[in-house]
Amino acid sequence: MARQSKDSIRARSLTSRAARAESAIALAGEAIAAHDWNALCAGELVTCFVSLATEPPTAQLRKQLGALGKSVALPIMKPGHTLAWGFDGLSLAKNSYGIFEPVSSDIDINSASSIIIPALRVGLDGSRLGRGAGYYDRALETLVSYKDGGPRRIVLVFDDEVDESVPCEPHDAPIDVIVTPTQLIAIK
């Protein structure tokens, strides 16, 4: 039942994103980058991701993080739906899914101050609905929670993608902060 619910919500979210105007997506990227990222990402190492065309854009955010002196690690999709990490830079290459990735580096994301995560929808209760492959859930399952000193888990979504809750399962990693173009929402 939960899986069916996740799948139907995921399908509606993908359809909604596909219908969003390019100009609205671009404006969302500018607004997201304008938030106080120095406060959100207090340490030197942060992770981010290279956004897909219909996701909240991360190009300006990644530049902003770099301008703030942050080292930005980006995910690399590996077999077994796991992630490796490499530093953001000029040498990004498309993987077989069409997602830009860096060259792999020896990066321990346990030492990151913040992990910026993609999602299709999020809940005010800390729930997150991704695309369904579980890459981030696997990467986050071994990390110490933010309240216990681990990296802050920050999710980027559009304003209309925040709900009270989204369907989740025990393996779904909770989030700490929701960032939209107009809001910063700390999960309590």
N, C-alpha and C. Protein backbone atom coordinates (compact mmCIF):
# COMPACT_ATOMS: atom_id res chain seq x y z
N MET A 1 0.83 -1.20 0.00
CA MET A 1 0.00 0.00 0.00
C MET A 1 0.86 1.25 0.00
N ALA A 2 1.87 1.31 0.92
CA ALA A 2 2.73 2.48 0.98
C ALA A 2 3.49 2.67 -0.33
N ARG A 3 3.92 1.55 -0.93
CA ARG A 3 4.67 1.63 -2.18
C ARG A 3 3.81 2.21 -3.29
N GLN A 4 2.57 1.76 -3.39
CA GLN A 4 1.66 2.29 -4.39
C GLN A 4 1.44 3.78 -4.18
N SER A 5 1.28 4.18 -2.95
CA SER A 5 1.09 5.58 -2.62
C SER A 5 2.32 6.40 -3.01
N LYS A 6 3.49 5.88 -2.69
CA LYS A 6 4.73 6.57 -3.07
C LYS A 6 4.81 6.71 -4.59
N ASP A 7 4.49 5.63 -5.29
CA ASP A 7 4.58 5.66 -6.75
C ASP A 7 3.61 6.66 -7.36
N SER A 8 2.39 6.73 -6.84
CA SER A 8 1.42 7.67 -7.41
C SER A 8 1.81 9.12 -7.11
N ILE A 9 2.30 9.37 -5.92
CA ILE A 9 2.74 10.73 -5.57
C ILE A 9 3.97 11.11 -6.41
N ARG A 10 4.86 10.16 -6.56
CA ARG A 10 6.07 10.39 -7.37
C ARG A 10 5.67 10.73 -8.81
N ALA A 11 4.74 9.98 -9.38
CA ALA A 11 4.30 10.22 -10.77
C ALA A 11 3.66 11.61 -10.91
N ARG A 12 2.81 11.98 -9.96
CA ARG A 12 2.19 13.32 -10.00
C ARG A 12 3.24 14.42 -9.88
N SER A 13 4.22 14.22 -9.02
CA SER A 13 5.27 15.22 -8.83
C SER A 13 6.10 15.38 -10.08
N LEU A 14 6.45 14.28 -10.72
CA LEU A 14 7.24 14.35 -11.95
C LEU A 14 6.45 15.05 -13.06
N THR A 15 5.15 14.78 -13.15
CA THR A 15 4.30 15.44 -14.15
C THR A 15 4.22 16.94 -13.87
N SER A 16 4.05 17.31 -12.63
CA SER A 16 3.98 18.71 -12.23
C SER A 16 5.29 19.44 -12.56
N ARG A 17 6.39 18.79 -12.27
CA ARG A 17 7.69 19.42 -12.57
C ARG A 17 7.89 19.58 -14.07
N ALA A 18 7.47 18.60 -14.85
CA ALA A 18 7.63 18.67 -16.30
C ALA A 18 6.83 19.83 -16.88
N ALA A 19 5.73 20.20 -16.23
CA ALA A 19 4.87 21.28 -16.72
C ALA A 19 5.33 22.67 -16.25
N ARG A 20 6.29 22.72 -15.34
CA ARG A 20 6.75 24.00 -14.79
C ARG A 20 7.53 24.77 -15.86
N ALA A 21 7.27 26.05 -15.97
CA ALA A 21 7.95 26.90 -16.96
C ALA A 21 9.44 27.01 -16.65
N GLU A 22 10.25 27.01 -17.71
CA GLU A 22 11.70 27.16 -17.54
C GLU A 22 12.04 28.43 -16.79
N SER A 23 11.31 29.51 -17.06
CA SER A 23 11.58 30.78 -16.38
C SER A 23 11.33 30.66 -14.88
N ALA A 24 10.29 29.93 -14.48
CA ALA A 24 10.00 29.72 -13.06
C ALA A 24 11.09 28.88 -12.41
N ILE A 25 11.58 27.90 -13.12
CA ILE A 25 12.66 27.07 -12.59
C ILE A 25 13.92 27.92 -12.40
N ALA A 26 14.25 28.74 -13.38
CA ALA A 26 15.44 29.61 -13.27
C ALA A 26 15.31 30.56 -12.09
N LEU A 27 14.15 31.17 -11.92
CA LEU A 27 13.93 32.09 -10.79
C LEU A 27 14.06 31.35 -9.45
N ALA A 28 13.60 30.13 -9.40
CA ALA A 28 13.73 29.33 -8.18
C ALA A 28 15.19 29.12 -7.82
N GLY A 29 16.02 28.87 -8.82
CA GLY A 29 17.45 28.68 -8.58
C GLY A 29 18.10 29.93 -8.02
N GLU A 30 17.73 31.09 -8.57
CA GLU A 30 18.26 32.35 -8.05
C GLU A 30 17.84 32.58 -6.61
N ALA A 31 16.57 32.33 -6.32
CA ALA A 31 16.05 32.55 -4.97
C ALA A 31 16.69 31.59 -3.96
N ILE A 32 16.86 30.34 -4.35
CA ILE A 32 17.49 29.37 -3.46
C ILE A 32 18.93 29.78 -3.15
N ALA A 33 19.67 30.20 -4.16
CA ALA A 33 21.06 30.61 -3.95
C ALA A 33 21.17 31.85 -3.07
N ALA A 34 20.13 32.67 -3.01
CA ALA A 34 20.16 33.92 -2.23
C ALA A 34 19.94 33.70 -0.73
N HIS A 35 19.56 32.51 -0.31
CA HIS A 35 19.41 32.24 1.12
C HIS A 35 20.76 32.36 1.83
N ASP A 36 20.76 32.38 3.17
CA ASP A 36 21.99 32.50 3.96
C ASP A 36 22.64 31.12 4.11
N TRP A 37 23.39 30.75 3.09
CA TRP A 37 24.02 29.43 3.07
C TRP A 37 25.19 29.34 4.02
N ASN A 38 25.77 30.44 4.41
CA ASN A 38 26.85 30.40 5.40
C ASN A 38 26.28 29.91 6.74
N ALA A 39 25.08 30.34 7.08
CA ALA A 39 24.44 29.89 8.31
C ALA A 39 23.94 28.44 8.19
N LEU A 40 23.43 28.09 7.04
CA LEU A 40 22.92 26.73 6.83
C LEU A 40 24.03 25.69 6.78
N CYS A 41 25.17 26.08 6.26
CA CYS A 41 26.29 25.16 6.08
C CYS A 41 27.51 25.75 6.78
N ALA A 42 27.57 25.56 8.09
CA ALA A 42 28.58 26.23 8.91
C ALA A 42 30.02 25.77 8.63
N GLY A 43 30.22 24.53 8.28
CA GLY A 43 31.57 24.01 8.10
C GLY A 43 32.13 24.23 6.70
N GLU A 44 33.32 23.68 6.49
CA GLU A 44 34.00 23.88 5.20
C GLU A 44 33.50 22.91 4.12
N LEU A 45 33.22 21.65 4.49
CA LEU A 45 32.79 20.64 3.51
C LEU A 45 31.28 20.53 3.51
N VAL A 46 30.68 20.64 2.33
CA VAL A 46 29.24 20.42 2.14
C VAL A 46 29.07 19.54 0.90
N THR A 47 27.96 18.84 0.85
CA THR A 47 27.65 18.12 -0.38
C THR A 47 26.47 18.81 -1.04
N CYS A 48 26.40 18.67 -2.34
CA CYS A 48 25.29 19.20 -3.11
C CYS A 48 25.04 18.18 -4.23
N PHE A 49 24.35 18.57 -5.25
CA PHE A 49 24.10 17.69 -6.39
C PHE A 49 23.95 18.57 -7.62
N VAL A 50 24.16 18.00 -8.79
CA VAL A 50 23.94 18.70 -10.04
C VAL A 50 22.49 18.44 -10.42
N SER A 51 21.70 19.49 -10.44
CA SER A 51 20.26 19.34 -10.67
C SER A 51 19.94 18.91 -12.09
N LEU A 52 18.84 18.18 -12.20
CA LEU A 52 18.27 17.84 -13.50
C LEU A 52 17.45 19.04 -13.97
N ALA A 53 17.04 19.06 -15.22
CA ALA A 53 16.37 20.21 -15.82
C ALA A 53 15.10 20.65 -15.10
N THR A 54 14.37 19.70 -14.50
CA THR A 54 13.11 20.07 -13.85
C THR A 54 13.22 20.21 -12.33
N GLU A 55 14.42 20.03 -11.79
CA GLU A 55 14.64 20.17 -10.35
C GLU A 55 14.97 21.62 -10.00
N PRO A 56 14.82 21.99 -8.71
CA PRO A 56 15.32 23.31 -8.32
C PRO A 56 16.80 23.40 -8.69
N PRO A 57 17.18 24.41 -9.48
CA PRO A 57 18.55 24.49 -9.98
C PRO A 57 19.60 24.66 -8.87
N THR A 58 20.73 23.99 -9.06
CA THR A 58 21.81 24.08 -8.08
C THR A 58 23.07 24.77 -8.60
N ALA A 59 23.13 25.15 -9.87
CA ALA A 59 24.36 25.75 -10.41
C ALA A 59 24.74 27.01 -9.64
N GLN A 60 23.79 27.92 -9.43
CA GLN A 60 24.10 29.15 -8.70
C GLN A 60 24.39 28.87 -7.23
N LEU A 61 23.68 27.93 -6.66
CA LEU A 61 23.93 27.56 -5.27
C LEU A 61 25.34 27.01 -5.11
N ARG A 62 25.76 26.14 -6.00
CA ARG A 62 27.10 25.57 -5.92
C ARG A 62 28.16 26.66 -6.06
N LYS A 63 27.92 27.63 -6.94
CA LYS A 63 28.85 28.77 -7.07
C LYS A 63 28.87 29.59 -5.79
N GLN A 64 27.69 29.82 -5.21
CA GLN A 64 27.59 30.58 -3.97
C GLN A 64 28.34 29.87 -2.83
N LEU A 65 28.17 28.57 -2.72
CA LEU A 65 28.88 27.81 -1.70
C LEU A 65 30.39 27.93 -1.88
N GLY A 66 30.84 27.84 -3.13
CA GLY A 66 32.26 28.00 -3.41
C GLY A 66 32.76 29.39 -3.06
N ALA A 67 31.97 30.42 -3.37
CA ALA A 67 32.34 31.80 -3.04
C ALA A 67 32.43 32.01 -1.53
N LEU A 68 31.69 31.21 -0.77
CA LEU A 68 31.73 31.28 0.70
C LEU A 68 32.90 30.48 1.27
N GLY A 69 33.72 29.91 0.39
CA GLY A 69 34.88 29.15 0.83
C GLY A 69 34.60 27.70 1.17
N LYS A 70 33.45 27.20 0.75
CA LYS A 70 33.08 25.81 1.02
C LYS A 70 33.67 24.89 -0.04
N SER A 71 34.10 23.71 0.37
CA SER A 71 34.45 22.65 -0.56
C SER A 71 33.16 21.89 -0.83
N VAL A 72 32.77 21.79 -2.09
CA VAL A 72 31.49 21.19 -2.45
C VAL A 72 31.72 19.81 -3.07
N ALA A 73 31.21 18.80 -2.39
CA ALA A 73 31.30 17.42 -2.89
C ALA A 73 30.00 17.09 -3.62
N LEU A 74 30.12 16.42 -4.74
CA LEU A 74 28.97 15.99 -5.54
C LEU A 74 28.92 14.47 -5.58
N PRO A 75 27.71 13.90 -5.67
CA PRO A 75 27.59 12.44 -5.69
C PRO A 75 27.96 11.83 -7.04
N ILE A 76 28.41 10.59 -6.94
CA ILE A 76 28.71 9.77 -8.10
C ILE A 76 27.94 8.47 -7.92
N MET A 77 27.07 8.15 -8.86
CA MET A 77 26.25 6.94 -8.76
C MET A 77 27.10 5.70 -9.05
N LYS A 78 27.03 4.74 -8.12
CA LYS A 78 27.82 3.52 -8.24
C LYS A 78 26.89 2.30 -8.29
N PRO A 79 27.42 1.14 -8.69
CA PRO A 79 26.62 -0.08 -8.68
C PRO A 79 26.07 -0.34 -7.27
N GLY A 80 24.93 -1.01 -7.22
CA GLY A 80 24.31 -1.31 -5.94
C GLY A 80 23.57 -0.12 -5.35
N HIS A 81 23.31 0.88 -6.19
CA HIS A 81 22.58 2.08 -5.76
C HIS A 81 23.28 2.77 -4.59
N THR A 82 24.62 2.84 -4.67
CA THR A 82 25.40 3.53 -3.66
C THR A 82 26.02 4.78 -4.27
N LEU A 83 26.53 5.66 -3.41
CA LEU A 83 27.15 6.89 -3.88
C LEU A 83 28.61 6.96 -3.46
N ALA A 84 29.43 7.45 -4.35
CA ALA A 84 30.78 7.88 -4.04
C ALA A 84 30.73 9.40 -4.19
N TRP A 85 31.84 10.08 -3.91
CA TRP A 85 31.83 11.54 -3.92
C TRP A 85 33.07 12.08 -4.60
N GLY A 86 32.92 13.22 -5.23
CA GLY A 86 34.03 13.94 -5.85
C GLY A 86 33.76 15.42 -5.72
N PHE A 87 34.81 16.22 -5.90
CA PHE A 87 34.65 17.66 -5.73
C PHE A 87 34.10 18.33 -6.99
N ASP A 88 33.23 19.30 -6.75
CA ASP A 88 32.66 20.10 -7.83
C ASP A 88 33.79 20.82 -8.56
N GLY A 89 33.63 21.00 -9.85
CA GLY A 89 34.67 21.68 -10.61
C GLY A 89 34.33 21.70 -12.08
N LEU A 90 35.32 21.97 -12.87
CA LEU A 90 35.10 22.10 -14.31
C LEU A 90 35.03 20.76 -15.02
N SER A 91 35.51 19.70 -14.40
CA SER A 91 35.61 18.42 -15.09
C SER A 91 34.45 17.48 -14.75
N LEU A 92 33.23 17.95 -14.95
CA LEU A 92 32.06 17.10 -14.73
C LEU A 92 31.73 16.38 -16.03
N ALA A 93 31.36 15.11 -15.92
CA ALA A 93 31.01 14.31 -17.11
C ALA A 93 29.66 13.65 -16.88
N LYS A 94 28.89 13.50 -17.96
CA LYS A 94 27.58 12.85 -17.87
C LYS A 94 27.73 11.35 -17.66
N ASN A 95 26.94 10.82 -16.71
CA ASN A 95 26.93 9.37 -16.53
C ASN A 95 25.88 8.76 -17.48
N SER A 96 25.62 7.47 -17.36
CA SER A 96 24.70 6.80 -18.27
C SER A 96 23.25 7.26 -18.09
N TYR A 97 22.93 7.93 -16.98
CA TYR A 97 21.59 8.47 -16.74
C TYR A 97 21.47 9.92 -17.19
N GLY A 98 22.56 10.49 -17.71
CA GLY A 98 22.55 11.88 -18.14
C GLY A 98 22.79 12.87 -17.01
N ILE A 99 23.29 12.40 -15.89
CA ILE A 99 23.56 13.24 -14.73
C ILE A 99 25.05 13.56 -14.70
N PHE A 100 25.37 14.83 -14.50
CA PHE A 100 26.77 15.24 -14.45
C PHE A 100 27.40 14.84 -13.12
N GLU A 101 28.59 14.26 -13.20
CA GLU A 101 29.32 13.80 -12.02
C GLU A 101 30.78 14.24 -12.09
N PRO A 102 31.41 14.40 -10.93
CA PRO A 102 32.83 14.77 -10.88
C PRO A 102 33.72 13.53 -10.93
N VAL A 103 35.00 13.76 -10.91
CA VAL A 103 35.97 12.69 -10.76
C VAL A 103 35.93 12.27 -9.28
N SER A 104 36.00 10.98 -9.03
CA SER A 104 35.93 10.48 -7.67
C SER A 104 37.12 10.93 -6.83
N SER A 105 36.85 11.28 -5.58
CA SER A 105 37.89 11.65 -4.61
C SER A 105 37.62 10.88 -3.32
N ASP A 106 38.59 10.86 -2.46
CA ASP A 106 38.42 10.19 -1.17
C ASP A 106 37.79 11.19 -0.20
N ILE A 107 36.46 11.21 -0.16
CA ILE A 107 35.74 12.18 0.67
C ILE A 107 34.89 11.42 1.69
N ASP A 108 35.04 11.78 2.95
CA ASP A 108 34.23 11.20 4.01
C ASP A 108 33.10 12.18 4.31
N ILE A 109 31.88 11.86 3.86
CA ILE A 109 30.78 12.80 4.06
C ILE A 109 30.36 12.89 5.52
N ASN A 110 30.88 12.01 6.37
CA ASN A 110 30.65 12.14 7.80
C ASN A 110 31.22 13.46 8.33
N SER A 111 32.24 13.98 7.63
CA SER A 111 32.86 15.24 8.07
C SER A 111 32.22 16.47 7.43
N ALA A 112 31.20 16.27 6.61
CA ALA A 112 30.50 17.41 6.01
C ALA A 112 29.64 18.10 7.06
N SER A 113 29.51 19.41 6.96
CA SER A 113 28.63 20.13 7.88
C SER A 113 27.18 19.99 7.44
N SER A 114 26.98 19.88 6.14
CA SER A 114 25.63 19.78 5.59
C SER A 114 25.64 18.93 4.34
N ILE A 115 24.52 18.23 4.14
CA ILE A 115 24.33 17.41 2.96
C ILE A 115 23.07 17.94 2.28
N ILE A 116 23.24 18.48 1.09
CA ILE A 116 22.10 19.03 0.34
C ILE A 116 21.59 17.94 -0.60
N ILE A 117 20.30 17.62 -0.45
CA ILE A 117 19.70 16.43 -1.04
C ILE A 117 18.55 16.81 -1.96
N PRO A 118 18.43 16.12 -3.10
CA PRO A 118 17.25 16.34 -3.95
C PRO A 118 16.04 15.59 -3.41
N ALA A 119 14.86 16.03 -3.79
CA ALA A 119 13.62 15.34 -3.44
C ALA A 119 12.54 15.77 -4.41
N LEU A 120 11.50 14.97 -4.50
CA LEU A 120 10.32 15.35 -5.29
C LEU A 120 9.29 16.04 -4.40
N ARG A 121 9.18 15.58 -3.15
CA ARG A 121 8.26 16.17 -2.17
C ARG A 121 8.87 15.93 -0.80
N VAL A 122 8.51 16.78 0.14
CA VAL A 122 8.96 16.63 1.52
C VAL A 122 7.80 16.89 2.47
N GLY A 123 7.96 16.38 3.69
CA GLY A 123 6.97 16.60 4.72
C GLY A 123 7.53 17.44 5.85
N LEU A 124 6.67 18.21 6.45
CA LEU A 124 7.06 19.04 7.60
C LEU A 124 7.47 18.18 8.80
N ASP A 125 7.22 16.89 8.71
CA ASP A 125 7.61 15.95 9.76
C ASP A 125 9.01 15.36 9.52
N GLY A 126 9.71 15.83 8.47
CA GLY A 126 11.05 15.32 8.16
C GLY A 126 11.06 14.20 7.14
N SER A 127 9.91 13.86 6.60
CA SER A 127 9.85 12.81 5.58
C SER A 127 10.24 13.38 4.21
N ARG A 128 10.79 12.51 3.37
CA ARG A 128 11.27 12.92 2.04
C ARG A 128 10.91 11.85 1.04
N LEU A 129 10.44 12.29 -0.12
CA LEU A 129 10.16 11.37 -1.22
C LEU A 129 11.10 11.70 -2.37
N GLY A 130 11.98 10.76 -2.66
CA GLY A 130 12.91 10.94 -3.78
C GLY A 130 12.39 10.24 -5.02
N ARG A 131 13.29 9.97 -5.94
CA ARG A 131 12.90 9.34 -7.20
C ARG A 131 12.72 7.83 -7.08
N GLY A 132 13.12 7.25 -5.96
CA GLY A 132 12.81 5.85 -5.71
C GLY A 132 13.96 4.87 -5.80
N ALA A 133 15.15 5.30 -6.18
CA ALA A 133 16.26 4.36 -6.31
C ALA A 133 16.99 4.13 -4.98
N GLY A 134 16.83 5.01 -4.00
CA GLY A 134 17.41 4.81 -2.68
C GLY A 134 18.87 5.19 -2.52
N TYR A 135 19.46 5.85 -3.50
CA TYR A 135 20.87 6.23 -3.39
C TYR A 135 21.14 7.03 -2.11
N TYR A 136 20.37 8.07 -1.88
CA TYR A 136 20.61 8.92 -0.71
C TYR A 136 20.25 8.20 0.59
N ASP A 137 19.19 7.40 0.59
CA ASP A 137 18.85 6.66 1.81
C ASP A 137 20.02 5.76 2.22
N ARG A 138 20.65 5.10 1.26
CA ARG A 138 21.80 4.25 1.56
C ARG A 138 22.98 5.08 2.06
N ALA A 139 23.21 6.24 1.45
CA ALA A 139 24.33 7.09 1.86
C ALA A 139 24.11 7.66 3.26
N LEU A 140 22.87 7.94 3.61
CA LEU A 140 22.58 8.58 4.90
C LEU A 140 22.40 7.60 6.05
N GLU A 141 22.14 6.32 5.74
CA GLU A 141 21.80 5.38 6.80
C GLU A 141 22.91 5.18 7.83
N THR A 142 24.16 5.38 7.43
CA THR A 142 25.27 5.18 8.38
C THR A 142 25.76 6.49 9.00
N LEU A 143 25.19 7.61 8.60
CA LEU A 143 25.62 8.90 9.15
C LEU A 143 24.98 9.17 10.50
N VAL A 144 25.72 9.81 11.35
CA VAL A 144 25.18 10.26 12.63
C VAL A 144 24.14 11.33 12.35
N SER A 145 23.06 11.35 13.12
CA SER A 145 22.02 12.37 12.91
C SER A 145 22.57 13.75 13.26
N TYR A 146 21.92 14.77 12.72
CA TYR A 146 22.34 16.15 12.97
C TYR A 146 22.27 16.48 14.46
N LYS A 147 21.20 16.05 15.12
CA LYS A 147 21.05 16.36 16.55
C LYS A 147 22.13 15.69 17.38
N ASP A 148 22.77 14.63 16.85
CA ASP A 148 23.86 13.96 17.55
C ASP A 148 25.23 14.36 17.02
N GLY A 149 25.29 15.45 16.25
CA GLY A 149 26.57 15.97 15.78
C GLY A 149 26.93 15.65 14.34
N GLY A 150 26.06 15.00 13.61
CA GLY A 150 26.32 14.67 12.21
C GLY A 150 25.96 15.81 11.28
N PRO A 151 26.11 15.60 10.00
CA PRO A 151 25.79 16.64 9.01
C PRO A 151 24.30 17.00 9.02
N ARG A 152 24.02 18.27 8.78
CA ARG A 152 22.63 18.73 8.63
C ARG A 152 22.13 18.26 7.27
N ARG A 153 20.97 17.65 7.24
CA ARG A 153 20.38 17.13 6.01
C ARG A 153 19.39 18.15 5.48
N ILE A 154 19.75 18.77 4.36
CA ILE A 154 18.97 19.85 3.77
C ILE A 154 18.39 19.38 2.45
N VAL A 155 17.09 19.59 2.27
CA VAL A 155 16.44 19.17 1.03
C VAL A 155 15.97 20.40 0.25
N LEU A 156 16.20 20.40 -1.07
CA LEU A 156 15.76 21.48 -1.95
C LEU A 156 14.51 21.04 -2.71
N VAL A 157 13.44 21.84 -2.61
CA VAL A 157 12.22 21.59 -3.36
C VAL A 157 11.59 22.93 -3.75
N PHE A 158 10.62 22.87 -4.64
CA PHE A 158 9.84 24.06 -4.97
C PHE A 158 8.84 24.31 -3.85
N ASP A 159 8.32 25.53 -3.76
CA ASP A 159 7.40 25.90 -2.69
C ASP A 159 6.18 24.99 -2.61
N ASP A 160 5.65 24.56 -3.74
CA ASP A 160 4.43 23.75 -3.75
C ASP A 160 4.68 22.25 -3.53
N GLU A 161 5.89 21.89 -3.14
CA GLU A 161 6.23 20.49 -2.94
C GLU A 161 6.43 20.14 -1.45
N VAL A 162 5.91 21.00 -0.57
CA VAL A 162 6.00 20.77 0.87
C VAL A 162 4.62 20.37 1.39
N ASP A 163 4.54 19.21 2.03
CA ASP A 163 3.31 18.68 2.59
C ASP A 163 3.47 18.51 4.10
N GLU A 164 2.40 18.15 4.77
CA GLU A 164 2.50 17.82 6.20
C GLU A 164 3.38 16.59 6.37
N SER A 165 3.21 15.61 5.46
CA SER A 165 3.97 14.37 5.50
C SER A 165 3.92 13.73 4.12
N VAL A 166 4.91 12.94 3.80
CA VAL A 166 4.88 12.12 2.59
C VAL A 166 5.08 10.68 3.02
N PRO A 167 4.59 9.70 2.24
CA PRO A 167 4.74 8.31 2.64
C PRO A 167 6.22 7.95 2.80
N CYS A 168 6.51 7.24 3.87
CA CYS A 168 7.89 6.81 4.08
C CYS A 168 7.91 5.44 4.72
N GLU A 169 9.07 4.82 4.65
CA GLU A 169 9.29 3.49 5.20
C GLU A 169 10.46 3.58 6.17
N PRO A 170 10.68 2.56 7.00
CA PRO A 170 11.75 2.63 8.01
C PRO A 170 13.14 2.95 7.44
N HIS A 171 13.43 2.54 6.20
CA HIS A 171 14.76 2.80 5.62
C HIS A 171 14.90 4.23 5.07
N ASP A 172 13.81 4.97 4.97
CA ASP A 172 13.87 6.33 4.42
C ASP A 172 14.52 7.27 5.45
N ALA A 173 15.60 7.91 5.04
CA ALA A 173 16.34 8.78 5.95
C ALA A 173 15.60 10.10 6.18
N PRO A 174 15.45 10.52 7.43
CA PRO A 174 14.77 11.79 7.72
C PRO A 174 15.66 12.99 7.38
N ILE A 175 15.02 14.14 7.22
CA ILE A 175 15.73 15.38 6.89
C ILE A 175 15.63 16.36 8.05
N ASP A 176 16.47 17.40 8.00
CA ASP A 176 16.52 18.40 9.07
C ASP A 176 16.00 19.76 8.65
N VAL A 177 16.21 20.12 7.38
CA VAL A 177 15.83 21.45 6.90
C VAL A 177 15.26 21.33 5.49
N ILE A 178 14.19 22.06 5.24
CA ILE A 178 13.61 22.16 3.90
C ILE A 178 13.94 23.56 3.38
N VAL A 179 14.52 23.63 2.19
CA VAL A 179 14.81 24.91 1.54
C VAL A 179 13.98 24.99 0.26
N THR A 180 13.18 26.05 0.17
CA THR A 180 12.41 26.34 -1.04
C THR A 180 12.86 27.72 -1.52
N PRO A 181 12.39 28.16 -2.66
CA PRO A 181 12.76 29.51 -3.10
C PRO A 181 12.37 30.60 -2.09
N THR A 182 11.30 30.40 -1.33
CA THR A 182 10.84 31.46 -0.41
C THR A 182 10.96 31.14 1.06
N GLN A 183 11.35 29.89 1.40
CA GLN A 183 11.35 29.51 2.80
C GLN A 183 12.55 28.66 3.21
N LEU A 184 12.90 28.77 4.50
CA LEU A 184 13.80 27.86 5.18
C LEU A 184 12.98 27.28 6.32
N ILE A 185 12.77 25.98 6.32
CA ILE A 185 11.92 25.36 7.31
C ILE A 185 12.74 24.32 8.09
N ALA A 186 12.99 24.60 9.36
CA ALA A 186 13.69 23.64 10.21
C ALA A 186 12.70 22.61 10.72
N ILE A 187 13.05 21.34 10.63
CA ILE A 187 12.21 20.27 11.12
C ILE A 187 12.44 20.14 12.62
N LYS A 188 11.36 20.06 13.36
CA LYS A 188 11.48 19.99 14.82
C LYS A 188 11.42 18.57 15.30
